[in-house]
Amino acid sequence: MQCCNFKSKSGWKLYDALEFSKVASNNNIKLITSHRSGESIDSQISHIGIGTNSKMLKVGVVGGERVAKLNELIRLSEHDLIQGMAEV
């Protein structure tokens, strides 16, 4: 299995993330979406991970940054939006 760590950057457009995801998917490469160093409590990475069909989300070790992103994933799971995320 091939896997790629997709690290979202503030200079990237959402279009770029989706295009990168399509190329990876077409080449049978699974994505892991990762936060940036010094990440804030902004939970957009949860949405990017779902939108790019990432199989995992790297959101940090401890602190409010991680909790905010995990809470957003829980909220999204209530609407059946994250099916398949853990199927590696």
C-alpha atoms as a PDB file:
ATOM      1  CA  MET A   1       0.000   0.000   0.000  1.00  0.00           C
ATOM      2  CA  GLN A   2       1.247   3.469  -0.843  1.00  0.00           C
ATOM      3  CA  CYS A   3       0.506   6.399   1.403  1.00  0.00           C
ATOM      4  CA  CYS A   4       1.235  10.117   1.297  1.00  0.00           C
ATOM      5  CA  ASN A   5       1.256  12.646   4.125  1.00  0.00           C
ATOM      6  CA  PHE A   6      -0.670  15.672   2.838  1.00  0.00           C
ATOM      7  CA  LYS A   7       0.334  18.701   4.890  1.00  0.00           C
ATOM      8  CA  SER A   8      -2.070  21.544   4.270  1.00  0.00           C
ATOM      9  CA  LYS A   9      -0.360  24.891   3.975  1.00  0.00           C
ATOM     10  CA  SER A  10      -1.849  28.329   4.359  1.00  0.00           C
ATOM     11  CA  GLY A  11      -0.792  29.211   0.804  1.00  0.00           C
ATOM     12  CA  TRP A  12      -2.665  26.272  -0.716  1.00  0.00           C
ATOM     13  CA  LYS A  13      -6.091  26.803  -2.159  1.00  0.00           C
ATOM     14  CA  LEU A  14      -8.816  24.274  -1.501  1.00  0.00           C
ATOM     15  CA  TYR A  15      -8.809  23.546  -5.231  1.00  0.00           C
ATOM     16  CA  ASP A  16      -5.140  22.498  -4.979  1.00  0.00           C
ATOM     17  CA  ALA A  17      -5.940  20.097  -2.141  1.00  0.00           C
ATOM     18  CA  LEU A  18      -8.772  18.514  -4.117  1.00  0.00           C
ATOM     19  CA  GLU A  19      -6.639  18.183  -7.256  1.00  0.00           C
ATOM     20  CA  PHE A  20      -3.820  16.607  -5.236  1.00  0.00           C
ATOM     21  CA  SER A  21      -6.364  14.185  -3.776  1.00  0.00           C
ATOM     22  CA  LYS A  22      -7.600  13.199  -7.246  1.00  0.00           C
ATOM     23  CA  VAL A  23      -4.063  12.502  -8.480  1.00  0.00           C
ATOM     24  CA  ALA A  24      -3.316  10.411  -5.397  1.00  0.00           C
ATOM     25  CA  SER A  25      -6.570   8.474  -5.735  1.00  0.00           C
ATOM     26  CA  ASN A  26      -5.970   7.809  -9.445  1.00  0.00           C
ATOM     27  CA  ASN A  27      -2.590   6.319  -8.507  1.00  0.00           C
ATOM     28  CA  ASN A  28      -3.988   4.227  -5.636  1.00  0.00           C
ATOM     29  CA  ILE A  29      -2.212   6.341  -3.007  1.00  0.00           C
ATOM     30  CA  LYS A  30      -3.933   6.803   0.360  1.00  0.00           C
ATOM     31  CA  LEU A  31      -3.745  10.225   2.022  1.00  0.00           C
ATOM     32  CA  ILE A  32      -3.032  11.221   5.591  1.00  0.00           C
ATOM     33  CA  THR A  33      -3.907  14.866   6.150  1.00  0.00           C
ATOM     34  CA  SER A  34      -1.606  16.615   8.600  1.00  0.00           C
ATOM     35  CA  HIS A  35      -1.792  19.906  10.447  1.00  0.00           C
ATOM     36  CA  ARG A  36       0.851  22.586  10.158  1.00  0.00           C
ATOM     37  CA  SER A  37       3.398  23.287  12.873  1.00  0.00           C
ATOM     38  CA  GLY A  38       2.079  25.780  15.401  1.00  0.00           C
ATOM     39  CA  GLU A  39      -1.496  24.877  14.505  1.00  0.00           C
ATOM     40  CA  SER A  40      -4.412  26.791  16.002  1.00  0.00           C
ATOM     41  CA  ILE A  41      -7.762  25.519  17.251  1.00  0.00           C
ATOM     42  CA  ASP A  42      -9.190  26.107  13.761  1.00  0.00           C
ATOM     43  CA  SER A  43     -10.966  22.892  12.775  1.00  0.00           C
ATOM     44  CA  GLN A  44     -10.835  23.348   8.985  1.00  0.00           C
ATOM     45  CA  ILE A  45      -8.338  20.500   8.684  1.00  0.00           C
ATOM     46  CA  SER A  46     -11.174  18.139   9.663  1.00  0.00           C
ATOM     47  CA  HIS A  47     -13.121  19.303   6.614  1.00  0.00           C
ATOM     48  CA  ILE A  48     -10.060  19.134   4.357  1.00  0.00           C
ATOM     49  CA  GLY A  49      -9.389  15.578   5.516  1.00  0.00           C
ATOM     50  CA  ILE A  50     -12.926  14.527   4.660  1.00  0.00           C
ATOM     51  CA  GLY A  51     -13.003  16.464   1.378  1.00  0.00           C
ATOM     52  CA  THR A  52      -9.767  14.861   0.190  1.00  0.00           C
ATOM     53  CA  ASN A  53     -10.934  11.396   1.258  1.00  0.00           C
ATOM     54  CA  SER A  54      -8.002  11.073   3.651  1.00  0.00           C
ATOM     55  CA  LYS A  55      -7.770   7.824   5.575  1.00  0.00           C
ATOM     56  CA  MET A  56      -6.195   9.410   8.645  1.00  0.00           C
ATOM     57  CA  LEU A  57      -5.899  12.844  10.210  1.00  0.00           C
ATOM     58  CA  LYS A  58      -2.787  13.988  12.103  1.00  0.00           C
ATOM     59  CA  VAL A  59      -3.926  16.672  14.509  1.00  0.00           C
ATOM     60  CA  GLY A  60      -1.296  16.952  17.210  1.00  0.00           C
ATOM     61  CA  VAL A  61      -0.479  15.329  20.499  1.00  0.00           C
ATOM     62  CA  VAL A  62      -2.143  17.317  23.293  1.00  0.00           C
ATOM     63  CA  GLY A  63      -3.972  20.516  23.938  1.00  0.00           C
ATOM     64  CA  GLY A  64      -6.936  22.487  22.684  1.00  0.00           C
ATOM     65  CA  GLU A  65      -5.769  22.268  19.073  1.00  0.00           C
ATOM     66  CA  ARG A  66      -6.328  18.521  18.991  1.00  0.00           C
ATOM     67  CA  VAL A  67      -9.565  18.619  20.957  1.00  0.00           C
ATOM     68  CA  ALA A  68     -11.126  21.203  18.615  1.00  0.00           C
ATOM     69  CA  LYS A  69     -10.389  19.070  15.553  1.00  0.00           C
ATOM     70  CA  LEU A  70     -11.593  15.837  17.161  1.00  0.00           C
ATOM     71  CA  ASN A  71     -14.778  17.525  18.357  1.00  0.00           C
ATOM     72  CA  GLU A  72     -15.404  18.706  14.789  1.00  0.00           C
ATOM     73  CA  LEU A  73     -14.930  15.142  13.502  1.00  0.00           C
ATOM     74  CA  ILE A  74     -17.417  13.901  16.091  1.00  0.00           C
ATOM     75  CA  ARG A  75     -19.879  16.585  15.013  1.00  0.00           C
ATOM     76  CA  LEU A  76     -19.439  15.616  11.348  1.00  0.00           C
ATOM     77  CA  SER A  77     -19.815  11.913  12.151  1.00  0.00           C
ATOM     78  CA  GLU A  78     -23.297  12.639  13.458  1.00  0.00           C
ATOM     79  CA  HIS A  79     -24.204  13.447   9.835  1.00  0.00           C
ATOM     80  CA  ASP A  80     -22.505  10.325   8.372  1.00  0.00           C
ATOM     81  CA  LEU A  81     -19.822  12.423   6.684  1.00  0.00           C
ATOM     82  CA  ILE A  82     -16.715  10.475   7.708  1.00  0.00           C
ATOM     83  CA  GLN A  83     -17.466   6.936   6.635  1.00  0.00           C
ATOM     84  CA  GLY A  84     -14.365   5.112   5.498  1.00  0.00           C
ATOM     85  CA  MET A  85     -11.835   7.434   7.092  1.00  0.00           C
ATOM     86  CA  ALA A  86     -10.289   4.645   9.166  1.00  0.00           C
ATOM     87  CA  GLU A  87     -10.440   2.004   6.453  1.00  0.00           C
ATOM     88  CA  VAL A  88      -6.766   1.828   5.507  1.00  0.00           C
END
